[in-house]
Amino acid sequence: MTREGAVAAAAADLALADECLAAARHEAAGGFCRRAVSSAYYAVFHAARAALARAGLEPRSHAGVRHLFSLHLIRPGTFPAADARLLRHMQKDREEADYVHVAPFGPPEAAEAIDRAADFVARARQHVQSAP
């Protein structure tokens, strides 16, 4: 990936992260808590992809995002180790929200997912924008 391609990919993924975060907030306000949890995960997913794109990396799957993020951004200390757990936990919640018929996601869980996602998106944006 060229430098220009990396910058464009990072910007596109940050825009998707913002869109997913806005959707999560809208869904939670409408009482669609399971959908809000799912959208919050996708905000985190796209923010992580943006950080990876800025490093010239192109993961091909959700597992690839987690793996490359841990290897290239957490292991060297660019992001805190807690962010690896956040990615894993939010993906698990997203899968449960999307596929388990009696998933226990109400307004408190949706609000927590949105807050965690917003914090992560902000950290990823700062990382992308501070890169040379």
N, C-alpha and C. Protein backbone atom coordinates (compact mmCIF):
# COMPACT_ATOMS: atom_id res chain seq x y z
N MET A 1 0.85 -1.17 0.00
CA MET A 1 0.00 0.00 0.00
C MET A 1 0.91 1.24 0.00
N THR A 2 0.60 2.16 -0.89
CA THR A 2 1.38 3.40 -0.93
C THR A 2 1.02 4.28 0.27
N ARG A 3 1.85 5.28 0.52
CA ARG A 3 1.58 6.21 1.61
C ARG A 3 0.24 6.91 1.39
N GLU A 4 0.00 7.34 0.14
CA GLU A 4 -1.26 8.02 -0.17
C GLU A 4 -2.44 7.07 -0.01
N GLY A 5 -2.25 5.82 -0.39
CA GLY A 5 -3.30 4.82 -0.22
C GLY A 5 -3.59 4.56 1.25
N ALA A 6 -2.54 4.54 2.06
CA ALA A 6 -2.71 4.31 3.49
C ALA A 6 -3.48 5.46 4.13
N VAL A 7 -3.15 6.68 3.74
CA VAL A 7 -3.83 7.85 4.29
C VAL A 7 -5.30 7.83 3.88
N ALA A 8 -5.57 7.51 2.62
CA ALA A 8 -6.96 7.46 2.14
C ALA A 8 -7.75 6.35 2.82
N ALA A 9 -7.14 5.18 2.96
CA ALA A 9 -7.82 4.06 3.62
C ALA A 9 -8.11 4.38 5.08
N ALA A 10 -7.17 5.00 5.75
CA ALA A 10 -7.37 5.36 7.16
C ALA A 10 -8.51 6.37 7.28
N ALA A 11 -8.53 7.35 6.40
CA ALA A 11 -9.61 8.36 6.44
C ALA A 11 -10.96 7.72 6.17
N ALA A 12 -11.02 6.81 5.22
CA ALA A 12 -12.28 6.14 4.89
C ALA A 12 -12.76 5.30 6.07
N ASP A 13 -11.85 4.58 6.72
CA ASP A 13 -12.26 3.76 7.86
C ASP A 13 -12.66 4.62 9.05
N LEU A 14 -12.01 5.76 9.25
CA LEU A 14 -12.44 6.65 10.33
C LEU A 14 -13.84 7.20 10.06
N ALA A 15 -14.13 7.50 8.80
CA ALA A 15 -15.47 7.97 8.45
C ALA A 15 -16.50 6.87 8.73
N LEU A 16 -16.17 5.63 8.41
CA LEU A 16 -17.07 4.51 8.71
C LEU A 16 -17.24 4.33 10.21
N ALA A 17 -16.16 4.50 10.96
CA ALA A 17 -16.24 4.40 12.42
C ALA A 17 -17.20 5.45 12.96
N ASP A 18 -17.08 6.68 12.46
CA ASP A 18 -17.98 7.75 12.89
C ASP A 18 -19.43 7.43 12.54
N GLU A 19 -19.64 6.90 11.35
CA GLU A 19 -20.99 6.54 10.92
C GLU A 19 -21.58 5.44 11.82
N CYS A 20 -20.78 4.44 12.12
CA CYS A 20 -21.25 3.35 12.98
C CYS A 20 -21.54 3.84 14.39
N LEU A 21 -20.72 4.75 14.88
CA LEU A 21 -20.93 5.30 16.22
C LEU A 21 -22.22 6.13 16.25
N ALA A 22 -22.45 6.92 15.21
CA ALA A 22 -23.69 7.69 15.13
C ALA A 22 -24.90 6.76 15.05
N ALA A 23 -24.77 5.68 14.28
CA ALA A 23 -25.85 4.71 14.18
C ALA A 23 -26.13 4.07 15.53
N ALA A 24 -25.06 3.72 16.26
CA ALA A 24 -25.23 3.10 17.58
C ALA A 24 -26.00 4.03 18.51
N ARG A 25 -25.65 5.29 18.48
CA ARG A 25 -26.35 6.26 19.34
C ARG A 25 -27.82 6.38 18.95
N HIS A 26 -28.08 6.44 17.66
CA HIS A 26 -29.45 6.53 17.16
C HIS A 26 -30.26 5.28 17.52
N GLU A 27 -29.65 4.13 17.35
CA GLU A 27 -30.32 2.86 17.67
C GLU A 27 -30.62 2.77 19.17
N ALA A 28 -29.67 3.15 20.00
CA ALA A 28 -29.89 3.11 21.44
C ALA A 28 -31.02 4.06 21.84
N ALA A 29 -31.03 5.24 21.25
CA ALA A 29 -32.09 6.21 21.57
C ALA A 29 -33.46 5.69 21.17
N GLY A 30 -33.50 4.86 20.14
CA GLY A 30 -34.76 4.28 19.68
C GLY A 30 -35.13 2.99 20.39
N GLY A 31 -34.30 2.56 21.33
CA GLY A 31 -34.59 1.34 22.07
C GLY A 31 -34.09 0.07 21.41
N PHE A 32 -33.30 0.20 20.37
CA PHE A 32 -32.76 -0.97 19.67
C PHE A 32 -31.38 -1.28 20.21
N CYS A 33 -31.35 -1.78 21.42
CA CYS A 33 -30.10 -1.95 22.16
C CYS A 33 -29.19 -3.00 21.55
N ARG A 34 -29.74 -4.08 21.06
CA ARG A 34 -28.91 -5.11 20.43
C ARG A 34 -28.23 -4.54 19.20
N ARG A 35 -28.96 -3.81 18.39
CA ARG A 35 -28.39 -3.19 17.20
C ARG A 35 -27.32 -2.17 17.61
N ALA A 36 -27.56 -1.43 18.69
CA ALA A 36 -26.60 -0.43 19.15
C ALA A 36 -25.29 -1.09 19.55
N VAL A 37 -25.36 -2.22 20.22
CA VAL A 37 -24.15 -2.96 20.62
C VAL A 37 -23.39 -3.41 19.37
N SER A 38 -24.11 -3.89 18.39
CA SER A 38 -23.49 -4.34 17.15
C SER A 38 -22.83 -3.17 16.43
N SER A 39 -23.52 -2.06 16.31
CA SER A 39 -22.96 -0.89 15.62
C SER A 39 -21.76 -0.32 16.38
N ALA A 40 -21.80 -0.36 17.70
CA ALA A 40 -20.66 0.11 18.49
C ALA A 40 -19.43 -0.73 18.20
N TYR A 41 -19.61 -2.05 18.08
CA TYR A 41 -18.48 -2.90 17.71
C TYR A 41 -17.91 -2.49 16.36
N TYR A 42 -18.79 -2.25 15.39
CA TYR A 42 -18.30 -1.90 14.06
C TYR A 42 -17.57 -0.56 14.06
N ALA A 43 -17.94 0.34 14.96
CA ALA A 43 -17.19 1.59 15.10
C ALA A 43 -15.75 1.28 15.54
N VAL A 44 -15.62 0.39 16.51
CA VAL A 44 -14.29 -0.03 16.99
C VAL A 44 -13.53 -0.76 15.89
N PHE A 45 -14.19 -1.65 15.20
CA PHE A 45 -13.58 -2.42 14.11
C PHE A 45 -12.99 -1.47 13.05
N HIS A 46 -13.78 -0.51 12.61
CA HIS A 46 -13.30 0.40 11.57
C HIS A 46 -12.22 1.34 12.09
N ALA A 47 -12.30 1.73 13.34
CA ALA A 47 -11.25 2.57 13.91
C ALA A 47 -9.93 1.80 13.98
N ALA A 48 -10.00 0.53 14.36
CA ALA A 48 -8.80 -0.31 14.39
C ALA A 48 -8.24 -0.49 12.98
N ARG A 49 -9.12 -0.69 12.01
CA ARG A 49 -8.67 -0.79 10.61
C ARG A 49 -7.99 0.50 10.17
N ALA A 50 -8.52 1.65 10.62
CA ALA A 50 -7.90 2.93 10.25
C ALA A 50 -6.48 3.01 10.80
N ALA A 51 -6.31 2.62 12.05
CA ALA A 51 -4.97 2.64 12.65
C ALA A 51 -4.04 1.69 11.91
N LEU A 52 -4.54 0.55 11.53
CA LEU A 52 -3.72 -0.41 10.78
C LEU A 52 -3.41 0.10 9.38
N ALA A 53 -4.37 0.71 8.74
CA ALA A 53 -4.15 1.25 7.39
C ALA A 53 -3.06 2.31 7.42
N ARG A 54 -3.08 3.13 8.45
CA ARG A 54 -2.07 4.19 8.58
C ARG A 54 -0.67 3.58 8.68
N ALA A 55 -0.61 2.35 9.19
CA ALA A 55 0.67 1.63 9.27
C ALA A 55 0.94 0.82 7.99
N GLY A 56 0.07 0.96 6.99
CA GLY A 56 0.25 0.25 5.73
C GLY A 56 -0.23 -1.19 5.75
N LEU A 57 -1.05 -1.54 6.72
CA LEU A 57 -1.53 -2.92 6.87
C LEU A 57 -2.99 -3.03 6.44
N GLU A 58 -3.31 -4.13 5.77
CA GLU A 58 -4.66 -4.36 5.26
C GLU A 58 -5.19 -5.71 5.73
N PRO A 59 -5.81 -5.77 6.90
CA PRO A 59 -6.36 -7.05 7.36
C PRO A 59 -7.53 -7.48 6.48
N ARG A 60 -7.72 -8.78 6.36
CA ARG A 60 -8.76 -9.31 5.49
C ARG A 60 -9.95 -9.88 6.24
N SER A 61 -9.91 -9.84 7.55
CA SER A 61 -11.00 -10.43 8.34
C SER A 61 -11.05 -9.76 9.71
N HIS A 62 -12.10 -10.07 10.46
CA HIS A 62 -12.20 -9.55 11.83
C HIS A 62 -11.06 -10.11 12.68
N ALA A 63 -10.79 -11.39 12.52
CA ALA A 63 -9.67 -12.00 13.27
C ALA A 63 -8.35 -11.37 12.85
N GLY A 64 -8.21 -11.05 11.57
CA GLY A 64 -7.01 -10.40 11.08
C GLY A 64 -6.81 -9.03 11.69
N VAL A 65 -7.90 -8.29 11.88
CA VAL A 65 -7.81 -6.98 12.53
C VAL A 65 -7.28 -7.16 13.94
N ARG A 66 -7.87 -8.10 14.69
CA ARG A 66 -7.42 -8.31 16.07
C ARG A 66 -5.95 -8.73 16.11
N HIS A 67 -5.58 -9.66 15.25
CA HIS A 67 -4.21 -10.17 15.24
C HIS A 67 -3.21 -9.07 14.88
N LEU A 68 -3.44 -8.39 13.77
CA LEU A 68 -2.50 -7.35 13.34
C LEU A 68 -2.46 -6.18 14.31
N PHE A 69 -3.61 -5.83 14.88
CA PHE A 69 -3.65 -4.74 15.85
C PHE A 69 -2.79 -5.10 17.07
N SER A 70 -2.95 -6.32 17.55
CA SER A 70 -2.15 -6.76 18.70
C SER A 70 -0.66 -6.79 18.36
N LEU A 71 -0.35 -7.33 17.22
CA LEU A 71 1.05 -7.50 16.83
C LEU A 71 1.75 -6.17 16.55
N HIS A 72 1.09 -5.29 15.80
CA HIS A 72 1.77 -4.08 15.33
C HIS A 72 1.47 -2.81 16.13
N LEU A 73 0.40 -2.81 16.92
CA LEU A 73 0.05 -1.58 17.62
C LEU A 73 0.00 -1.75 19.14
N ILE A 74 -0.28 -2.94 19.62
CA ILE A 74 -0.31 -3.15 21.07
C ILE A 74 1.04 -3.63 21.57
N ARG A 75 1.60 -4.62 20.92
CA ARG A 75 2.88 -5.17 21.37
C ARG A 75 3.96 -4.09 21.48
N PRO A 76 4.08 -3.17 20.51
CA PRO A 76 5.10 -2.13 20.65
C PRO A 76 4.71 -1.00 21.61
N GLY A 77 3.48 -1.05 22.15
CA GLY A 77 3.07 -0.06 23.14
C GLY A 77 2.38 1.17 22.56
N THR A 78 2.04 1.15 21.29
CA THR A 78 1.35 2.28 20.67
C THR A 78 -0.04 2.45 21.25
N PHE A 79 -0.73 1.34 21.48
CA PHE A 79 -2.04 1.31 22.14
C PHE A 79 -1.91 0.46 23.39
N PRO A 80 -2.73 0.72 24.41
CA PRO A 80 -2.65 -0.08 25.64
C PRO A 80 -3.15 -1.50 25.43
N ALA A 81 -2.64 -2.42 26.21
CA ALA A 81 -3.05 -3.83 26.11
C ALA A 81 -4.55 -4.01 26.31
N ALA A 82 -5.15 -3.12 27.06
CA ALA A 82 -6.60 -3.21 27.29
C ALA A 82 -7.38 -3.11 25.99
N ASP A 83 -6.80 -2.48 24.97
CA ASP A 83 -7.51 -2.36 23.70
C ASP A 83 -7.63 -3.70 22.98
N ALA A 84 -6.70 -4.60 23.19
CA ALA A 84 -6.83 -5.95 22.62
C ALA A 84 -8.03 -6.65 23.25
N ARG A 85 -8.17 -6.50 24.56
CA ARG A 85 -9.32 -7.09 25.25
C ARG A 85 -10.62 -6.42 24.81
N LEU A 86 -10.58 -5.12 24.61
CA LEU A 86 -11.76 -4.39 24.14
C LEU A 86 -12.22 -4.92 22.80
N LEU A 87 -11.31 -5.07 21.86
CA LEU A 87 -11.67 -5.61 20.54
C LEU A 87 -12.31 -6.99 20.66
N ARG A 88 -11.69 -7.84 21.44
CA ARG A 88 -12.18 -9.22 21.61
C ARG A 88 -13.55 -9.23 22.29
N HIS A 89 -13.69 -8.45 23.35
CA HIS A 89 -14.94 -8.41 24.12
C HIS A 89 -16.08 -7.82 23.28
N MET A 90 -15.79 -6.74 22.56
CA MET A 90 -16.86 -6.12 21.77
C MET A 90 -17.26 -6.99 20.59
N GLN A 91 -16.32 -7.74 20.03
CA GLN A 91 -16.70 -8.66 18.95
C GLN A 91 -17.58 -9.78 19.49
N LYS A 92 -17.24 -10.29 20.66
CA LYS A 92 -18.07 -11.33 21.29
C LYS A 92 -19.48 -10.80 21.55
N ASP A 93 -19.57 -9.59 22.08
CA ASP A 93 -20.88 -8.99 22.34
C ASP A 93 -21.66 -8.78 21.04
N ARG A 94 -20.96 -8.34 19.99
CA ARG A 94 -21.62 -8.13 18.70
C ARG A 94 -22.19 -9.43 18.17
N GLU A 95 -21.41 -10.49 18.26
CA GLU A 95 -21.89 -11.79 17.78
C GLU A 95 -23.09 -12.26 18.59
N GLU A 96 -23.04 -12.05 19.89
CA GLU A 96 -24.16 -12.43 20.74
C GLU A 96 -25.39 -11.57 20.41
N ALA A 97 -25.19 -10.28 20.24
CA ALA A 97 -26.31 -9.38 19.93
C ALA A 97 -26.93 -9.74 18.58
N ASP A 98 -26.11 -10.14 17.63
CA ASP A 98 -26.62 -10.45 16.30
C ASP A 98 -27.22 -11.85 16.18
N TYR A 99 -26.75 -12.81 16.97
CA TYR A 99 -27.12 -14.20 16.71
C TYR A 99 -27.83 -14.93 17.85
N VAL A 100 -27.74 -14.43 19.07
CA VAL A 100 -28.37 -15.12 20.20
C VAL A 100 -29.73 -14.48 20.44
N HIS A 101 -30.76 -15.29 20.38
CA HIS A 101 -32.13 -14.77 20.45
C HIS A 101 -32.45 -14.08 21.76
N VAL A 102 -31.86 -14.50 22.83
CA VAL A 102 -32.17 -13.92 24.14
C VAL A 102 -30.97 -13.18 24.72
N ALA A 103 -30.21 -12.53 23.87
CA ALA A 103 -29.03 -11.79 24.33
C ALA A 103 -29.47 -10.69 25.30
N PRO A 104 -28.79 -10.60 26.43
CA PRO A 104 -29.20 -9.67 27.49
C PRO A 104 -28.64 -8.25 27.31
N PHE A 105 -29.05 -7.57 26.26
CA PHE A 105 -28.55 -6.21 26.02
C PHE A 105 -29.69 -5.22 26.15
N GLY A 106 -29.60 -4.39 27.19
CA GLY A 106 -30.57 -3.34 27.41
C GLY A 106 -29.89 -1.99 27.34
N PRO A 107 -30.57 -0.95 27.76
CA PRO A 107 -30.00 0.40 27.69
C PRO A 107 -28.65 0.56 28.41
N PRO A 108 -28.45 -0.04 29.60
CA PRO A 108 -27.13 0.15 30.23
C PRO A 108 -25.99 -0.47 29.42
N GLU A 109 -26.23 -1.65 28.87
CA GLU A 109 -25.19 -2.32 28.08
C GLU A 109 -24.91 -1.57 26.79
N ALA A 110 -25.96 -1.08 26.17
CA ALA A 110 -25.78 -0.30 24.94
C ALA A 110 -24.99 0.98 25.23
N ALA A 111 -25.35 1.66 26.30
CA ALA A 111 -24.64 2.90 26.65
C ALA A 111 -23.16 2.63 26.93
N GLU A 112 -22.88 1.55 27.64
CA GLU A 112 -21.48 1.21 27.93
C GLU A 112 -20.73 0.89 26.64
N ALA A 113 -21.32 0.13 25.75
CA ALA A 113 -20.67 -0.21 24.48
C ALA A 113 -20.39 1.06 23.67
N ILE A 114 -21.34 1.97 23.65
CA ILE A 114 -21.16 3.22 22.90
C ILE A 114 -20.05 4.06 23.52
N ASP A 115 -20.01 4.16 24.82
CA ASP A 115 -18.96 4.93 25.49
C ASP A 115 -17.58 4.34 25.21
N ARG A 116 -17.49 3.02 25.30
CA ARG A 116 -16.20 2.36 25.06
C ARG A 116 -15.77 2.56 23.61
N ALA A 117 -16.73 2.45 22.71
CA ALA A 117 -16.43 2.63 21.29
C ALA A 117 -15.99 4.06 21.01
N ALA A 118 -16.69 5.03 21.59
CA ALA A 118 -16.33 6.44 21.36
C ALA A 118 -14.91 6.73 21.85
N ASP A 119 -14.56 6.19 23.00
CA ASP A 119 -13.20 6.39 23.53
C ASP A 119 -12.16 5.78 22.59
N PHE A 120 -12.44 4.57 22.11
CA PHE A 120 -11.49 3.90 21.22
C PHE A 120 -11.36 4.65 19.90
N VAL A 121 -12.48 5.06 19.33
CA VAL A 121 -12.44 5.80 18.07
C VAL A 121 -11.62 7.08 18.23
N ALA A 122 -11.78 7.76 19.35
CA ALA A 122 -11.00 8.98 19.60
C ALA A 122 -9.50 8.67 19.68
N ARG A 123 -9.13 7.58 20.34
CA ARG A 123 -7.71 7.21 20.44
C ARG A 123 -7.16 6.84 19.07
N ALA A 124 -7.95 6.10 18.29
CA ALA A 124 -7.50 5.70 16.96
C ALA A 124 -7.34 6.94 16.06
N ARG A 125 -8.29 7.86 16.15
CA ARG A 125 -8.21 9.08 15.35
C ARG A 125 -6.96 9.87 15.72
N GLN A 126 -6.69 10.01 17.01
CA GLN A 126 -5.49 10.73 17.44
C GLN A 126 -4.25 10.05 16.88
N HIS A 127 -4.21 8.73 16.94
CA HIS A 127 -3.06 7.99 16.40
C HIS A 127 -2.90 8.24 14.91
N VAL A 128 -3.98 8.13 14.17
CA VAL A 128 -3.92 8.30 12.71
C VAL A 128 -3.49 9.72 12.36
N GLN A 129 -4.04 10.70 13.05
CA GLN A 129 -3.74 12.09 12.73
C GLN A 129 -2.36 12.53 13.20
N SER A 130 -1.78 11.81 14.15
CA SER A 130 -0.45 12.17 14.63
C SER A 130 0.66 11.49 13.86
N ALA A 131 0.29 10.55 13.01
CA ALA A 131 1.31 9.81 12.25
C ALA A 131 1.94 10.74 11.21
N PRO A 132 3.24 10.58 10.98
CA PRO A 132 3.93 11.42 9.99
C PRO A 132 3.48 11.14 8.56
